[in-house]
């Protein structure tokens, strides 16, 4: 029987409930077999998260140009003239 008192009828249902319970247990910090401190104090994970957020920001940005059409290309030639 599950914690809610309902009987588990199939193996698949039992596995689904077990995975859900283990996930909740882990997220609550109740998994005694996992060293949460090694993750919480690891700055590398923070860097990965910052990089992913930055990448997402760039992906969401719309390109913009000054002027319309090819007008934005007018101006400097890119050639040094000194």
PDB file of N, CA and C in Angstrom:
ATOM      1  N   UNK A   1       0.826  -1.189   0.000  1.00  0.00           N
ATOM      2  CA  UNK A   1       0.000   0.000   0.000  1.00  0.00           C
ATOM      3  C   UNK A   1       0.868   1.249   0.000  1.00  0.00           C
ATOM      4  N   UNK A   2       0.372   2.278  -0.650  1.00  0.00           N
ATOM      5  CA  UNK A   2       1.069   3.549  -0.655  1.00  0.00           C
ATOM      6  C   UNK A   2       0.791   4.312   0.623  1.00  0.00           C
ATOM      7  N   UNK A   3       1.477   5.425   0.810  1.00  0.00           N
ATOM      8  CA  UNK A   3       1.282   6.230   2.024  1.00  0.00           C
ATOM      9  C   UNK A   3      -0.130   6.790   2.116  1.00  0.00           C
ATOM     10  N   UNK A   4      -0.783   6.950   0.958  1.00  0.00           N
ATOM     11  CA  UNK A   4      -2.127   7.503   0.952  1.00  0.00           C
ATOM     12  C   UNK A   4      -3.187   6.444   1.241  1.00  0.00           C
ATOM     13  N   UNK A   5      -2.762   5.190   1.492  1.00  0.00           N
ATOM     14  CA  UNK A   5      -3.681   4.117   1.833  1.00  0.00           C
ATOM     15  C   UNK A   5      -4.194   3.344   0.639  1.00  0.00           C
ATOM     16  N   UNK A   6      -3.896   3.811  -0.569  1.00  0.00           N
ATOM     17  CA  UNK A   6      -4.336   3.108  -1.769  1.00  0.00           C
ATOM     18  C   UNK A   6      -3.402   1.950  -2.072  1.00  0.00           C
ATOM     19  N   UNK A   7      -3.977   0.873  -2.517  1.00  0.00           N
ATOM     20  CA  UNK A   7      -3.195  -0.302  -2.854  1.00  0.00           C
ATOM     21  C   UNK A   7      -2.569  -0.129  -4.238  1.00  0.00           C
ATOM     22  N   UNK A   8      -1.315  -0.484  -4.336  1.00  0.00           N
ATOM     23  CA  UNK A   8      -0.616  -0.428  -5.615  1.00  0.00           C
ATOM     24  C   UNK A   8      -0.997  -1.677  -6.392  1.00  0.00           C
ATOM     25  N   UNK A   9      -1.488  -1.491  -7.617  1.00  0.00           N
ATOM     26  CA  UNK A   9      -2.021  -2.621  -8.365  1.00  0.00           C
ATOM     27  C   UNK A   9      -1.044  -3.212  -9.365  1.00  0.00           C
ATOM     28  N   UNK A  10      -0.109  -2.403  -9.862  1.00  0.00           N
ATOM     29  CA  UNK A  10       0.828  -2.918 -10.861  1.00  0.00           C
ATOM     30  C   UNK A  10       2.257  -2.572 -10.454  1.00  0.00           C
ATOM     31  N   UNK A  11       3.178  -3.300 -11.034  1.00  0.00           N
ATOM     32  CA  UNK A  11       4.606  -3.042 -10.778  1.00  0.00           C
ATOM     33  C   UNK A  11       4.985  -1.646 -11.272  1.00  0.00           C
ATOM     34  N   UNK A  12       4.456  -1.268 -12.430  1.00  0.00           N
ATOM     35  CA  UNK A  12       4.751   0.048 -13.003  1.00  0.00           C
ATOM     36  C   UNK A  12       4.267   1.166 -12.087  1.00  0.00           C
ATOM     37  N   UNK A  13       3.069   0.991 -11.551  1.00  0.00           N
ATOM     38  CA  UNK A  13       2.529   1.992 -10.627  1.00  0.00           C
ATOM     39  C   UNK A  13       3.388   2.074  -9.367  1.00  0.00           C
ATOM     40  N   UNK A  14       3.830   0.912  -8.888  1.00  0.00           N
ATOM     41  CA  UNK A  14       4.692   0.882  -7.709  1.00  0.00           C
ATOM     42  C   UNK A  14       6.013   1.589  -7.963  1.00  0.00           C
ATOM     43  N   UNK A  15       6.616   1.349  -9.131  1.00  0.00           N
ATOM     44  CA  UNK A  15       7.881   2.013  -9.479  1.00  0.00           C
ATOM     45  C   UNK A  15       7.685   3.528  -9.605  1.00  0.00           C
ATOM     46  N   UNK A  16       6.576   3.922 -10.206  1.00  0.00           N
ATOM     47  CA  UNK A  16       6.285   5.351 -10.369  1.00  0.00           C
ATOM     48  C   UNK A  16       6.166   6.028  -9.006  1.00  0.00           C
ATOM     49  N   UNK A  17       5.434   5.393  -8.092  1.00  0.00           N
ATOM     50  CA  UNK A  17       5.280   5.959  -6.746  1.00  0.00           C
ATOM     51  C   UNK A  17       6.613   5.987  -6.000  1.00  0.00           C
ATOM     52  N   UNK A  18       7.401   4.927  -6.131  1.00  0.00           N
ATOM     53  CA  UNK A  18       8.690   4.854  -5.461  1.00  0.00           C
ATOM     54  C   UNK A  18       9.615   5.962  -5.953  1.00  0.00           C
ATOM     55  N   UNK A  19       9.680   6.152  -7.276  1.00  0.00           N
ATOM     56  CA  UNK A  19      10.525   7.218  -7.836  1.00  0.00           C
ATOM     57  C   UNK A  19      10.074   8.586  -7.348  1.00  0.00           C
ATOM     58  N   UNK A  20       8.758   8.792  -7.300  1.00  0.00           N
ATOM     59  CA  UNK A  20       8.238  10.068  -6.832  1.00  0.00           C
ATOM     60  C   UNK A  20       8.638  10.314  -5.369  1.00  0.00           C
ATOM     61  N   UNK A  21       8.460   9.313  -4.538  1.00  0.00           N
ATOM     62  CA  UNK A  21       8.810   9.447  -3.123  1.00  0.00           C
ATOM     63  C   UNK A  21      10.302   9.690  -2.931  1.00  0.00           C
ATOM     64  N   UNK A  22      11.127   9.000  -3.682  1.00  0.00           N
ATOM     65  CA  UNK A  22      12.579   9.196  -3.579  1.00  0.00           C
ATOM     66  C   UNK A  22      12.976  10.593  -4.044  1.00  0.00           C
ATOM     67  N   UNK A  23      12.315  11.091  -5.082  1.00  0.00           N
ATOM     68  CA  UNK A  23      12.594  12.445  -5.567  1.00  0.00           C
ATOM     69  C   UNK A  23      12.234  13.471  -4.505  1.00  0.00           C
ATOM     70  N   UNK A  24      11.063  13.340  -3.913  1.00  0.00           N
ATOM     71  CA  UNK A  24      10.627  14.272  -2.864  1.00  0.00           C
ATOM     72  C   UNK A  24      11.571  14.196  -1.666  1.00  0.00           C
ATOM     73  N   UNK A  25      11.938  13.012  -1.279  1.00  0.00           N
ATOM     74  CA  UNK A  25      12.870  12.819  -0.153  1.00  0.00           C
ATOM     75  C   UNK A  25      14.196  13.525  -0.424  1.00  0.00           C
ATOM     76  N   UNK A  26      14.713  13.380  -1.657  1.00  0.00           N
ATOM     77  CA  UNK A  26      15.969  14.021  -2.027  1.00  0.00           C
ATOM     78  C   UNK A  26      15.837  15.542  -1.997  1.00  0.00           C
ATOM     79  N   UNK A  27      14.761  16.050  -2.596  1.00  0.00           N
ATOM     80  CA  UNK A  27      14.573  17.499  -2.665  1.00  0.00           C
ATOM     81  C   UNK A  27      14.381  18.136  -1.295  1.00  0.00           C
ATOM     82  N   UNK A  28      13.834  17.409  -0.380  1.00  0.00           N
ATOM     83  CA  UNK A  28      13.662  17.916   0.989  1.00  0.00           C
ATOM     84  C   UNK A  28      14.953  17.874   1.789  1.00  0.00           C
ATOM     85  N   UNK A  29      15.970  17.190   1.246  1.00  0.00           N
ATOM     86  CA  UNK A  29      17.236  17.075   1.961  1.00  0.00           C
ATOM     87  C   UNK A  29      17.233  15.953   2.970  1.00  0.00           C
ATOM     88  N   UNK A  30      16.353  14.983   2.786  1.00  0.00           N
ATOM     89  CA  UNK A  30      16.195  13.891   3.750  1.00  0.00           C
ATOM     90  C   UNK A  30      16.910  12.607   3.349  1.00  0.00           C
ATOM     91  N   UNK A  31      17.627  12.622   2.252  1.00  0.00           N
ATOM     92  CA  UNK A  31      18.328  11.413   1.805  1.00  0.00           C
ATOM     93  C   UNK A  31      19.621  11.278   2.600  1.00  0.00           C
ATOM     94  N   UNK A  32      19.656  10.324   3.504  1.00  0.00           N
ATOM     95  CA  UNK A  32      20.805  10.150   4.392  1.00  0.00           C
ATOM     96  C   UNK A  32      22.040   9.629   3.666  1.00  0.00           C
ATOM     97  N   UNK A  33      21.856   9.082   2.467  1.00  0.00           N
ATOM     98  CA  UNK A  33      22.977   8.525   1.712  1.00  0.00           C
ATOM     99  C   UNK A  33      23.646   9.550   0.795  1.00  0.00           C
ATOM    100  N   UNK A  34      23.148  10.782   0.757  1.00  0.00           N
ATOM    101  CA  UNK A  34      23.699  11.796  -0.140  1.00  0.00           C
ATOM    102  C   UNK A  34      24.353  12.905   0.670  1.00  0.00           C
ATOM    103  N   UNK A  35      25.539  13.324   0.246  1.00  0.00           N
ATOM    104  CA  UNK A  35      26.279  14.395   0.913  1.00  0.00           C
ATOM    105  C   UNK A  35      25.885  15.736   0.274  1.00  0.00           C
ATOM    106  N   UNK A  36      24.866  16.371   0.808  1.00  0.00           N
ATOM    107  CA  UNK A  36      24.354  17.624   0.257  1.00  0.00           C
ATOM    108  C   UNK A  36      25.391  18.746   0.324  1.00  0.00           C
ATOM    109  N   UNK A  37      26.218  18.744   1.343  1.00  0.00           N
ATOM    110  CA  UNK A  37      27.218  19.797   1.510  1.00  0.00           C
ATOM    111  C   UNK A  37      28.209  19.856   0.362  1.00  0.00           C
ATOM    112  N   UNK A  38      28.544  18.712  -0.219  1.00  0.00           N
ATOM    113  CA  UNK A  38      29.501  18.702  -1.330  1.00  0.00           C
ATOM    114  C   UNK A  38      28.938  19.412  -2.556  1.00  0.00           C
ATOM    115  N   UNK A  39      27.631  19.465  -2.672  1.00  0.00           N
ATOM    116  CA  UNK A  39      27.002  20.165  -3.783  1.00  0.00           C
ATOM    117  C   UNK A  39      26.748  21.615  -3.402  1.00  0.00           C
ATOM    118  N   UNK A  40      26.237  21.838  -2.206  1.00  0.00           N
ATOM    119  CA  UNK A  40      25.894  23.189  -1.771  1.00  0.00           C
ATOM    120  C   UNK A  40      27.101  24.115  -1.727  1.00  0.00           C
ATOM    121  N   UNK A  41      28.265  23.591  -1.386  1.00  0.00           N
ATOM    122  CA  UNK A  41      29.466  24.417  -1.244  1.00  0.00           C
ATOM    123  C   UNK A  41      30.353  24.415  -2.475  1.00  0.00           C
ATOM    124  N   UNK A  42      29.922  23.806  -3.557  1.00  0.00           N
ATOM    125  CA  UNK A  42      30.730  23.709  -4.763  1.00  0.00           C
ATOM    126  C   UNK A  42      30.415  24.880  -5.688  1.00  0.00           C
ATOM    127  N   UNK A  43      31.369  25.791  -5.837  1.00  0.00           N
ATOM    128  CA  UNK A  43      31.187  26.987  -6.666  1.00  0.00           C
ATOM    129  C   UNK A  43      31.067  26.655  -8.154  1.00  0.00           C
ATOM    130  N   UNK A  44      31.592  25.510  -8.581  1.00  0.00           N
ATOM    131  CA  UNK A  44      31.513  25.138  -9.996  1.00  0.00           C
ATOM    132  C   UNK A  44      30.066  25.028 -10.462  1.00  0.00           C
ATOM    133  N   UNK A  45      29.196  24.503  -9.616  1.00  0.00           N
ATOM    134  CA  UNK A  45      27.789  24.375  -9.983  1.00  0.00           C
ATOM    135  C   UNK A  45      27.145  25.747 -10.153  1.00  0.00           C
ATOM    136  N   UNK A  46      27.543  26.717  -9.317  1.00  0.00           N
ATOM    137  CA  UNK A  46      27.022  28.072  -9.453  1.00  0.00           C
ATOM    138  C   UNK A  46      27.472  28.672 -10.774  1.00  0.00           C
ATOM    139  N   UNK A  47      28.726  28.429 -11.157  1.00  0.00           N
ATOM    140  CA  UNK A  47      29.246  28.962 -12.418  1.00  0.00           C
ATOM    141  C   UNK A  47      28.492  28.372 -13.604  1.00  0.00           C
ATOM    142  N   UNK A  48      28.211  27.095 -13.559  1.00  0.00           N
ATOM    143  CA  UNK A  48      27.457  26.446 -14.637  1.00  0.00           C
ATOM    144  C   UNK A  48      26.076  27.075 -14.741  1.00  0.00           C
ATOM    145  N   UNK A  49      25.440  27.306 -13.610  1.00  0.00           N
ATOM    146  CA  UNK A  49      24.108  27.907 -13.608  1.00  0.00           C
ATOM    147  C   UNK A  49      24.152  29.322 -14.177  1.00  0.00           C
ATOM    148  N   UNK A  50      25.157  30.116 -13.777  1.00  0.00           N
ATOM    149  CA  UNK A  50      25.282  31.480 -14.305  1.00  0.00           C
ATOM    150  C   UNK A  50      25.494  31.457 -15.814  1.00  0.00           C
ATOM    151  N   UNK A  51      26.344  30.538 -16.286  1.00  0.00           N
ATOM    152  CA  UNK A  51      26.618  30.439 -17.718  1.00  0.00           C
ATOM    153  C   UNK A  51      25.347  30.057 -18.485  1.00  0.00           C
ATOM    154  N   UNK A  52      24.575  29.117 -17.943  1.00  0.00           N
ATOM    155  CA  UNK A  52      23.335  28.711 -18.598  1.00  0.00           C
ATOM    156  C   UNK A  52      22.331  29.858 -18.645  1.00  0.00           C
ATOM    157  N   UNK A  53      22.240  30.632 -17.560  1.00  0.00           N
ATOM    158  CA  UNK A  53      21.340  31.789 -17.540  1.00  0.00           C
ATOM    159  C   UNK A  53      21.776  32.826 -18.566  1.00  0.00           C
ATOM    160  N   UNK A  54      23.082  33.062 -18.668  1.00  0.00           N
ATOM    161  CA  UNK A  54      23.599  34.019 -19.646  1.00  0.00           C
ATOM    162  C   UNK A  54      23.329  33.546 -21.071  1.00  0.00           C
ATOM    163  N   UNK A  55      23.567  32.281 -21.329  1.00  0.00           N
ATOM    164  CA  UNK A  55      23.292  31.729 -22.654  1.00  0.00           C
ATOM    165  C   UNK A  55      21.819  31.872 -23.014  1.00  0.00           C
ATOM    166  N   UNK A  56      20.945  31.616 -22.049  1.00  0.00           N
ATOM    167  CA  UNK A  56      19.514  31.755 -22.295  1.00  0.00           C
ATOM    168  C   UNK A  56      19.162  33.202 -22.585  1.00  0.00           C
ATOM    169  N   UNK A  57      19.783  34.142 -21.870  1.00  0.00           N
ATOM    170  CA  UNK A  57      19.525  35.557 -22.103  1.00  0.00           C
ATOM    171  C   UNK A  57      19.904  35.932 -23.529  1.00  0.00           C
ATOM    172  N   UNK A  58      21.082  35.480 -23.988  1.00  0.00           N
ATOM    173  CA  UNK A  58      21.505  35.780 -25.351  1.00  0.00           C
ATOM    174  C   UNK A  58      20.590  35.120 -26.373  1.00  0.00           C
ATOM    175  N   UNK A  59      20.140  33.913 -26.099  1.00  0.00           N
ATOM    176  CA  UNK A  59      19.230  33.221 -27.018  1.00  0.00           C
ATOM    177  C   UNK A  59      17.896  33.945 -27.136  1.00  0.00           C
ATOM    178  N   UNK A  60      17.444  34.564 -26.048  1.00  0.00           N
ATOM    179  CA  UNK A  60      16.157  35.264 -26.037  1.00  0.00           C
ATOM    180  C   UNK A  60      16.224  36.659 -26.651  1.00  0.00           C
ATOM    181  N   UNK A  61      17.416  37.216 -26.773  1.00  0.00           N
ATOM    182  CA  UNK A  61      17.572  38.564 -27.303  1.00  0.00           C
ATOM    183  C   UNK A  61      17.242  38.612 -28.788  1.00  0.00           C
ATOM    184  N   UNK A  62      16.581  39.681 -29.195  1.00  0.00           N
ATOM    185  CA  UNK A  62      16.290  39.924 -30.601  1.00  0.00           C
ATOM    186  C   UNK A  62      17.389  40.816 -31.163  1.00  0.00           C
ATOM    187  N   UNK A  63      17.924  40.457 -32.331  1.00  0.00           N
ATOM    188  CA  UNK A  63      18.948  41.323 -32.921  1.00  0.00           C
ATOM    189  C   UNK A  63      18.348  42.684 -33.286  1.00  0.00           C
ATOM    190  N   UNK A  64      19.115  43.734 -33.084  1.00  0.00           N
ATOM    191  CA  UNK A  64      18.637  45.070 -33.447  1.00  0.00           C
ATOM    192  C   UNK A  64      19.768  45.836 -34.117  1.00  0.00           C
ATOM    193  N   UNK A  65      19.366  46.702 -35.054  1.00  0.00           N
ATOM    194  CA  UNK A  65      20.323  47.495 -35.808  1.00  0.00           C
ATOM    195  C   UNK A  65      19.865  48.936 -35.795  1.00  0.00           C
ATOM    196  N   UNK A  66      20.828  49.843 -35.958  1.00  0.00           N
ATOM    197  CA  UNK A  66      20.486  51.258 -36.073  1.00  0.00           C
ATOM    198  C   UNK A  66      20.056  51.512 -37.502  1.00  0.00           C
ATOM    199  N   UNK A  67      18.879  52.015 -37.696  1.00  0.00           N
ATOM    200  CA  UNK A  67      18.393  52.301 -39.044  1.00  0.00           C
ATOM    201  C   UNK A  67      17.636  51.119 -39.615  1.00  0.00           C
ATOM    202  N   UNK A  68      17.150  51.329 -40.823  1.00  0.00           N
ATOM    203  CA  UNK A  68      16.378  50.276 -41.471  1.00  0.00           C
ATOM    204  C   UNK A  68      17.104  49.794 -42.710  1.00  0.00           C
ATOM    205  N   UNK A  69      16.863  48.571 -43.078  1.00  0.00           N
ATOM    206  CA  UNK A  69      17.453  48.015 -44.285  1.00  0.00           C
ATOM    207  C   UNK A  69      18.967  48.033 -44.226  1.00  0.00           C
ATOM    208  N   UNK A  70      19.587  48.447 -45.326  1.00  0.00           N
ATOM    209  CA  UNK A  70      21.041  48.483 -45.406  1.00  0.00           C
ATOM    210  C   UNK A  70      21.630  49.797 -44.911  1.00  0.00           C
ATOM    211  N   UNK A  71      20.779  50.716 -44.467  1.00  0.00           N
ATOM    212  CA  UNK A  71      21.278  52.010 -44.002  1.00  0.00           C
ATOM    213  C   UNK A  71      22.226  51.874 -42.828  1.00  0.00           C
ATOM    214  N   UNK A  72      22.039  50.886 -42.009  1.00  0.00           N
ATOM    215  CA  UNK A  72      22.892  50.718 -40.843  1.00  0.00           C
ATOM    216  C   UNK A  72      24.324  50.419 -41.242  1.00  0.00           C
ATOM    217  N   UNK A  73      24.535  49.981 -42.486  1.00  0.00           N
ATOM    218  CA  UNK A  73      25.877  49.656 -42.952  1.00  0.00           C
ATOM    219  C   UNK A  73      26.661  50.906 -43.368  1.00  0.00           C
ATOM    220  N   UNK A  74      25.991  52.013 -43.585  1.00  0.00           N
ATOM    221  CA  UNK A  74      26.651  53.238 -44.030  1.00  0.00           C
ATOM    222  C   UNK A  74      27.491  53.817 -42.905  1.00  0.00           C
ATOM    223  N   UNK A  75      28.556  54.459 -43.290  1.00  0.00           N
ATOM    224  CA  UNK A  75      29.390  55.103 -42.286  1.00  0.00           C
ATOM    225  C   UNK A  75      30.815  54.632 -42.406  1.00  0.00           C
ATOM    226  N   UNK A  76      31.375  54.186 -41.326  1.00  0.00           N
ATOM    227  CA  UNK A  76      32.772  53.795 -41.308  1.00  0.00           C
ATOM    228  C   UNK A  76      33.039  52.619 -42.247  1.00  0.00           C
ATOM    229  N   UNK A  77      34.184  52.688 -42.888  1.00  0.00           N
ATOM    230  CA  UNK A  77      34.537  51.637 -43.842  1.00  0.00           C
ATOM    231  C   UNK A  77      35.295  50.502 -43.197  1.00  0.00           C
ATOM    232  N   UNK A  78      35.833  50.733 -42.035  1.00  0.00           N
ATOM    233  CA  UNK A  78      36.613  49.711 -41.378  1.00  0.00           C
ATOM    234  C   UNK A  78      38.078  49.769 -41.795  1.00  0.00           C
ATOM    235  N   UNK A  79      38.423  50.702 -42.695  1.00  0.00           N
ATOM    236  CA  UNK A  79      39.801  50.841 -43.163  1.00  0.00           C
ATOM    237  C   UNK A  79      40.452  51.970 -42.358  1.00  0.00           C
ATOM    238  N   UNK A  80      41.617  51.684 -41.838  1.00  0.00           N
ATOM    239  CA  UNK A  80      42.347  52.715 -41.105  1.00  0.00           C
ATOM    240  C   UNK A  80      43.003  53.639 -42.134  1.00  0.00           C
ATOM    241  N   UNK A  81      42.778  54.917 -41.988  1.00  0.00           N
ATOM    242  CA  UNK A  81      43.291  55.865 -42.984  1.00  0.00           C
ATOM    243  C   UNK A  81      44.242  56.869 -42.344  1.00  0.00           C
ATOM    244  N   UNK A  82      45.271  56.357 -41.727  1.00  0.00           N
ATOM    245  CA  UNK A  82      46.266  57.272 -41.192  1.00  0.00           C
ATOM    246  C   UNK A  82      47.635  56.891 -41.674  1.00  0.00           C
TER     247      UNK A  82
END
